[in-house]
Amino acid sequence: MSDKVRENRLRRMAERQGLKLLKSRRRDPRATDYGKYWLANVSTDTLETGEHGLTLDEIEAYLKG
């Protein structure tokens, strides 16, 4: 499964739980948050997963956990 398809599936999964999947906009591979994702709580407008970001595997585990 491609990363884009997986990302869209996780985005829908997050929406069902009242969360929003956010993706880093960094384009520099040397940046610390390059390729990272966050989950934000829609109702409180706060980050659920901390400020350092997670990989898609970690996001999936968080949503399934």
PDB file of N, CA and C in Angstrom:
ATOM      1  N   MET A   1       0.851  -1.175   0.000  1.00  0.00           N
ATOM      2  CA  MET A   1       0.000   0.000   0.000  1.00  0.00           C
ATOM      3  C   MET A   1       0.900   1.242   0.000  1.00  0.00           C
ATOM      4  N   SER A   2       0.593   2.194  -0.859  1.00  0.00           N
ATOM      5  CA  SER A   2       1.414   3.401  -0.926  1.00  0.00           C
ATOM      6  C   SER A   2       1.189   4.278   0.303  1.00  0.00           C
ATOM      7  N   ASP A   3       2.160   5.145   0.574  1.00  0.00           N
ATOM      8  CA  ASP A   3       2.054   6.028   1.737  1.00  0.00           C
ATOM      9  C   ASP A   3       0.862   6.969   1.619  1.00  0.00           C
ATOM     10  N   LYS A   4       0.551   7.420   0.421  1.00  0.00           N
ATOM     11  CA  LYS A   4      -0.570   8.348   0.246  1.00  0.00           C
ATOM     12  C   LYS A   4      -1.891   7.665   0.567  1.00  0.00           C
ATOM     13  N   VAL A   5      -2.058   6.437   0.095  1.00  0.00           N
ATOM     14  CA  VAL A   5      -3.283   5.684   0.375  1.00  0.00           C
ATOM     15  C   VAL A   5      -3.395   5.436   1.873  1.00  0.00           C
ATOM     16  N   ARG A   6      -2.293   5.032   2.476  1.00  0.00           N
ATOM     17  CA  ARG A   6      -2.272   4.772   3.921  1.00  0.00           C
ATOM     18  C   ARG A   6      -2.554   6.045   4.709  1.00  0.00           C
ATOM     19  N   GLU A   7      -1.961   7.150   4.275  1.00  0.00           N
ATOM     20  CA  GLU A   7      -2.187   8.445   4.931  1.00  0.00           C
ATOM     21  C   GLU A   7      -3.665   8.829   4.876  1.00  0.00           C
ATOM     22  N   ASN A   8      -4.303   8.639   3.737  1.00  0.00           N
ATOM     23  CA  ASN A   8      -5.730   8.957   3.599  1.00  0.00           C
ATOM     24  C   ASN A   8      -6.595   8.064   4.481  1.00  0.00           C
ATOM     25  N   ARG A   9      -6.239   6.783   4.579  1.00  0.00           N
ATOM     26  CA  ARG A   9      -6.976   5.860   5.434  1.00  0.00           C
ATOM     27  C   ARG A   9      -6.849   6.281   6.900  1.00  0.00           C
ATOM     28  N   LEU A  10      -5.639   6.669   7.318  1.00  0.00           N
ATOM     29  CA  LEU A  10      -5.430   7.108   8.696  1.00  0.00           C
ATOM     30  C   LEU A  10      -6.116   8.452   8.962  1.00  0.00           C
ATOM     31  N   ARG A  11      -6.174   9.297   7.939  1.00  0.00           N
ATOM     32  CA  ARG A  11      -6.872  10.581   8.076  1.00  0.00           C
ATOM     33  C   ARG A  11      -8.361  10.352   8.358  1.00  0.00           C
ATOM     34  N   ARG A  12      -8.974   9.409   7.642  1.00  0.00           N
ATOM     35  CA  ARG A  12     -10.386   9.087   7.871  1.00  0.00           C
ATOM     36  C   ARG A  12     -10.590   8.441   9.238  1.00  0.00           C
ATOM     37  N   MET A  13      -9.663   7.583   9.631  1.00  0.00           N
ATOM     38  CA  MET A  13      -9.738   6.935  10.941  1.00  0.00           C
ATOM     39  C   MET A  13      -9.668   7.993  12.053  1.00  0.00           C
ATOM     40  N   ALA A  14      -8.793   8.969  11.888  1.00  0.00           N
ATOM     41  CA  ALA A  14      -8.645  10.039  12.876  1.00  0.00           C
ATOM     42  C   ALA A  14      -9.918  10.883  12.948  1.00  0.00           C
ATOM     43  N   GLU A  15     -10.510  11.190  11.812  1.00  0.00           N
ATOM     44  CA  GLU A  15     -11.734  11.995  11.790  1.00  0.00           C
ATOM     45  C   GLU A  15     -12.864  11.315  12.548  1.00  0.00           C
ATOM     46  N   ARG A  16     -12.966   9.996  12.434  1.00  0.00           N
ATOM     47  CA  ARG A  16     -14.002   9.256  13.161  1.00  0.00           C
ATOM     48  C   ARG A  16     -13.804   9.321  14.673  1.00  0.00           C
ATOM     49  N   GLN A  17     -12.574   9.608  15.104  1.00  0.00           N
ATOM     50  CA  GLN A  17     -12.266   9.700  16.530  1.00  0.00           C
ATOM     51  C   GLN A  17     -12.212  11.154  17.014  1.00  0.00           C
ATOM     52  N   GLY A  18     -12.620  12.095  16.158  1.00  0.00           N
ATOM     53  CA  GLY A  18     -12.625  13.505  16.542  1.00  0.00           C
ATOM     54  C   GLY A  18     -11.258  14.152  16.479  1.00  0.00           C
ATOM     55  N   LEU A  19     -10.368  13.565  15.679  1.00  0.00           N
ATOM     56  CA  LEU A  19      -9.012  14.075  15.551  1.00  0.00           C
ATOM     57  C   LEU A  19      -8.744  14.487  14.109  1.00  0.00           C
ATOM     58  N   LYS A  20      -7.687  15.251  13.932  1.00  0.00           N
ATOM     59  CA  LYS A  20      -7.286  15.673  12.594  1.00  0.00           C
ATOM     60  C   LYS A  20      -5.825  15.309  12.393  1.00  0.00           C
ATOM     61  N   LEU A  21      -5.512  14.639  11.284  1.00  0.00           N
ATOM     62  CA  LEU A  21      -4.146  14.252  10.975  1.00  0.00           C
ATOM     63  C   LEU A  21      -3.452  15.417  10.275  1.00  0.00           C
ATOM     64  N   LEU A  22      -2.352  15.859  10.840  1.00  0.00           N
ATOM     65  CA  LEU A  22      -1.573  16.953  10.277  1.00  0.00           C
ATOM     66  C   LEU A  22      -0.235  16.419   9.794  1.00  0.00           C
ATOM     67  N   LYS A  23       0.252  16.940   8.683  1.00  0.00           N
ATOM     68  CA  LYS A  23       1.509  16.492   8.101  1.00  0.00           C
ATOM     69  C   LYS A  23       2.493  17.653   8.051  1.00  0.00           C
ATOM     70  N   SER A  24       3.751  17.365   8.321  1.00  0.00           N
ATOM     71  CA  SER A  24       4.784  18.390   8.254  1.00  0.00           C
ATOM     72  C   SER A  24       4.896  18.917   6.820  1.00  0.00           C
ATOM     73  N   ARG A  25       5.059  20.209   6.683  1.00  0.00           N
ATOM     74  CA  ARG A  25       5.200  20.808   5.367  1.00  0.00           C
ATOM     75  C   ARG A  25       6.667  21.016   4.994  1.00  0.00           C
ATOM     76  N   ARG A  26       7.572  20.577   5.830  1.00  0.00           N
ATOM     77  CA  ARG A  26       9.002  20.733   5.566  1.00  0.00           C
ATOM     78  C   ARG A  26       9.402  19.983   4.302  1.00  0.00           C
ATOM     79  N   ARG A  27      10.272  20.588   3.526  1.00  0.00           N
ATOM     80  CA  ARG A  27      10.762  19.968   2.302  1.00  0.00           C
ATOM     81  C   ARG A  27      12.249  19.635   2.404  1.00  0.00           C
ATOM     82  N   ASP A  28      12.872  19.984   3.519  1.00  0.00           N
ATOM     83  CA  ASP A  28      14.293  19.728   3.738  1.00  0.00           C
ATOM     84  C   ASP A  28      14.451  18.419   4.516  1.00  0.00           C
ATOM     85  N   PRO A  29      15.004  17.380   3.898  1.00  0.00           N
ATOM     86  CA  PRO A  29      15.134  16.090   4.582  1.00  0.00           C
ATOM     87  C   PRO A  29      15.978  16.144   5.852  1.00  0.00           C
ATOM     88  N   ARG A  30      16.781  17.178   6.018  1.00  0.00           N
ATOM     89  CA  ARG A  30      17.608  17.305   7.222  1.00  0.00           C
ATOM     90  C   ARG A  30      16.873  17.970   8.375  1.00  0.00           C
ATOM     91  N   ALA A  31      15.692  18.493   8.123  1.00  0.00           N
ATOM     92  CA  ALA A  31      14.896  19.124   9.185  1.00  0.00           C
ATOM     93  C   ALA A  31      14.404  18.049  10.152  1.00  0.00           C
ATOM     94  N   THR A  32      14.307  18.401  11.420  1.00  0.00           N
ATOM     95  CA  THR A  32      13.939  17.406  12.442  1.00  0.00           C
ATOM     96  C   THR A  32      12.500  16.918  12.298  1.00  0.00           C
ATOM     97  N   ASP A  33      11.619  17.727  11.732  1.00  0.00           N
ATOM     98  CA  ASP A  33      10.221  17.303  11.593  1.00  0.00           C
ATOM     99  C   ASP A  33       9.858  16.909  10.165  1.00  0.00           C
ATOM    100  N   TYR A  34      10.842  16.662   9.327  1.00  0.00           N
ATOM    101  CA  TYR A  34      10.598  16.238   7.949  1.00  0.00           C
ATOM    102  C   TYR A  34       9.918  14.865   7.933  1.00  0.00           C
ATOM    103  N   GLY A  35       8.785  14.750   7.238  1.00  0.00           N
ATOM    104  CA  GLY A  35       8.076  13.491   7.114  1.00  0.00           C
ATOM    105  C   GLY A  35       7.329  13.064   8.368  1.00  0.00           C
ATOM    106  N   LYS A  36       7.105  13.980   9.280  1.00  0.00           N
ATOM    107  CA  LYS A  36       6.426  13.653  10.539  1.00  0.00           C
ATOM    108  C   LYS A  36       4.953  14.044  10.473  1.00  0.00           C
ATOM    109  N   TYR A  37       4.177  13.438  11.370  1.00  0.00           N
ATOM    110  CA  TYR A  37       2.737  13.660  11.441  1.00  0.00           C
ATOM    111  C   TYR A  37       2.335  13.945  12.880  1.00  0.00           C
ATOM    112  N   TRP A  38       1.214  14.643  13.034  1.00  0.00           N
ATOM    113  CA  TRP A  38       0.649  14.936  14.348  1.00  0.00           C
ATOM    114  C   TRP A  38      -0.849  14.674  14.304  1.00  0.00           C
ATOM    115  N   LEU A  39      -1.411  14.421  15.475  1.00  0.00           N
ATOM    116  CA  LEU A  39      -2.853  14.312  15.620  1.00  0.00           C
ATOM    117  C   LEU A  39      -3.319  15.459  16.507  1.00  0.00           C
ATOM    118  N   ALA A  40      -4.276  16.237  16.010  1.00  0.00           N
ATOM    119  CA  ALA A  40      -4.821  17.354  16.772  1.00  0.00           C
ATOM    120  C   ALA A  40      -6.265  17.054  17.136  1.00  0.00           C
ATOM    121  N   ASN A  41      -6.643  17.413  18.351  1.00  0.00           N
ATOM    122  CA  ASN A  41      -8.011  17.270  18.816  1.00  0.00           C
ATOM    123  C   ASN A  41      -8.812  18.419  18.226  1.00  0.00           C
ATOM    124  N   VAL A  42      -9.848  18.116  17.484  1.00  0.00           N
ATOM    125  CA  VAL A  42     -10.635  19.125  16.781  1.00  0.00           C
ATOM    126  C   VAL A  42     -11.393  20.025  17.757  1.00  0.00           C
ATOM    127  N   SER A  43     -11.961  19.444  18.801  1.00  0.00           N
ATOM    128  CA  SER A  43     -12.795  20.225  19.714  1.00  0.00           C
ATOM    129  C   SER A  43     -11.982  21.155  20.614  1.00  0.00           C
ATOM    130  N   THR A  44     -10.781  20.736  21.020  1.00  0.00           N
ATOM    131  CA  THR A  44      -9.980  21.574  21.917  1.00  0.00           C
ATOM    132  C   THR A  44      -8.844  22.291  21.195  1.00  0.00           C
ATOM    133  N   ASP A  45      -8.618  21.959  19.929  1.00  0.00           N
ATOM    134  CA  ASP A  45      -7.560  22.564  19.119  1.00  0.00           C
ATOM    135  C   ASP A  45      -6.185  22.408  19.783  1.00  0.00           C
ATOM    136  N   THR A  46      -5.914  21.205  20.302  1.00  0.00           N
ATOM    137  CA  THR A  46      -4.624  20.904  20.915  1.00  0.00           C
ATOM    138  C   THR A  46      -4.026  19.666  20.271  1.00  0.00           C
ATOM    139  N   LEU A  47      -2.699  19.551  20.351  1.00  0.00           N
ATOM    140  CA  LEU A  47      -2.022  18.375  19.824  1.00  0.00           C
ATOM    141  C   LEU A  47      -2.188  17.207  20.779  1.00  0.00           C
ATOM    142  N   GLU A  48      -2.540  16.064  20.235  1.00  0.00           N
ATOM    143  CA  GLU A  48      -2.701  14.855  21.033  1.00  0.00           C
ATOM    144  C   GLU A  48      -1.389  14.080  21.133  1.00  0.00           C
ATOM    145  N   THR A  49      -0.510  14.242  20.152  1.00  0.00           N
ATOM    146  CA  THR A  49       0.669  13.383  20.047  1.00  0.00           C
ATOM    147  C   THR A  49       1.984  14.092  20.347  1.00  0.00           C
ATOM    148  N   GLY A  50       1.954  15.236  20.990  1.00  0.00           N
ATOM    149  CA  GLY A  50       3.200  15.917  21.319  1.00  0.00           C
ATOM    150  C   GLY A  50       3.704  16.782  20.190  1.00  0.00           C
ATOM    151  N   GLU A  51       4.795  17.464  20.451  1.00  0.00           N
ATOM    152  CA  GLU A  51       5.264  18.451  19.475  1.00  0.00           C
ATOM    153  C   GLU A  51       6.377  17.960  18.568  1.00  0.00           C
ATOM    154  N   HIS A  52       6.899  16.752  18.787  1.00  0.00           N
ATOM    155  CA  HIS A  52       8.011  16.271  17.976  1.00  0.00           C
ATOM    156  C   HIS A  52       7.574  15.505  16.735  1.00  0.00           C
ATOM    157  N   GLY A  53       6.344  15.097  16.677  1.00  0.00           N
ATOM    158  CA  GLY A  53       5.820  14.400  15.510  1.00  0.00           C
ATOM    159  C   GLY A  53       6.067  12.907  15.567  1.00  0.00           C
ATOM    160  N   LEU A  54       5.268  12.182  14.797  1.00  0.00           N
ATOM    161  CA  LEU A  54       5.327  10.724  14.762  1.00  0.00           C
ATOM    162  C   LEU A  54       5.396  10.230  13.327  1.00  0.00           C
ATOM    163  N   THR A  55       5.808   8.986  13.160  1.00  0.00           N
ATOM    164  CA  THR A  55       5.791   8.355  11.842  1.00  0.00           C
ATOM    165  C   THR A  55       4.387   7.826  11.573  1.00  0.00           C
ATOM    166  N   LEU A  56       4.134   7.398  10.353  1.00  0.00           N
ATOM    167  CA  LEU A  56       2.829   6.818  10.031  1.00  0.00           C
ATOM    168  C   LEU A  56       2.565   5.552  10.841  1.00  0.00           C
ATOM    169  N   ASP A  57       3.596   4.761  11.086  1.00  0.00           N
ATOM    170  CA  ASP A  57       3.433   3.550  11.907  1.00  0.00           C
ATOM    171  C   ASP A  57       2.983   3.911  13.318  1.00  0.00           C
ATOM    172  N   GLU A  58       3.598   4.936  13.893  1.00  0.00           N
ATOM    173  CA  GLU A  58       3.250   5.367  15.244  1.00  0.00           C
ATOM    174  C   GLU A  58       1.850   5.964  15.299  1.00  0.00           C
ATOM    175  N   ILE A  59       1.474   6.712  14.258  1.00  0.00           N
ATOM    176  CA  ILE A  59       0.124   7.286  14.182  1.00  0.00           C
ATOM    177  C   ILE A  59      -0.905   6.160  14.123  1.00  0.00           C
ATOM    178  N   GLU A  60      -0.641   5.154  13.302  1.00  0.00           N
ATOM    179  CA  GLU A  60      -1.568   4.035  13.168  1.00  0.00           C
ATOM    180  C   GLU A  60      -1.723   3.293  14.501  1.00  0.00           C
ATOM    181  N   ALA A  61      -0.620   3.068  15.201  1.00  0.00           N
ATOM    182  CA  ALA A  61      -0.686   2.399  16.501  1.00  0.00           C
ATOM    183  C   ALA A  61      -1.474   3.234  17.504  1.00  0.00           C
ATOM    184  N   TYR A  62      -1.302   4.544  17.484  1.00  0.00           N
ATOM    185  CA  TYR A  62      -2.031   5.432  18.402  1.00  0.00           C
ATOM    186  C   TYR A  62      -3.532   5.370  18.131  1.00  0.00           C
ATOM    187  N   LEU A  63      -3.908   5.394  16.852  1.00  0.00           N
ATOM    188  CA  LEU A  63      -5.321   5.389  16.495  1.00  0.00           C
ATOM    189  C   LEU A  63      -5.977   4.040  16.789  1.00  0.00           C
ATOM    190  N   LYS A  64      -5.232   2.957  16.656  1.00  0.00           N
ATOM    191  CA  LYS A  64      -5.785   1.631  16.920  1.00  0.00           C
ATOM    192  C   LYS A  64      -5.766   1.295  18.411  1.00  0.00           C
ATOM    193  N   GLY A  65      -4.882   1.976  19.159  1.00  0.00           N
ATOM    194  CA  GLY A  65      -4.678   1.656  20.570  1.00  0.00           C
ATOM    195  C   GLY A  65      -5.751   2.120  21.429  1.00  0.00           C
TER     196      GLY A  65
END
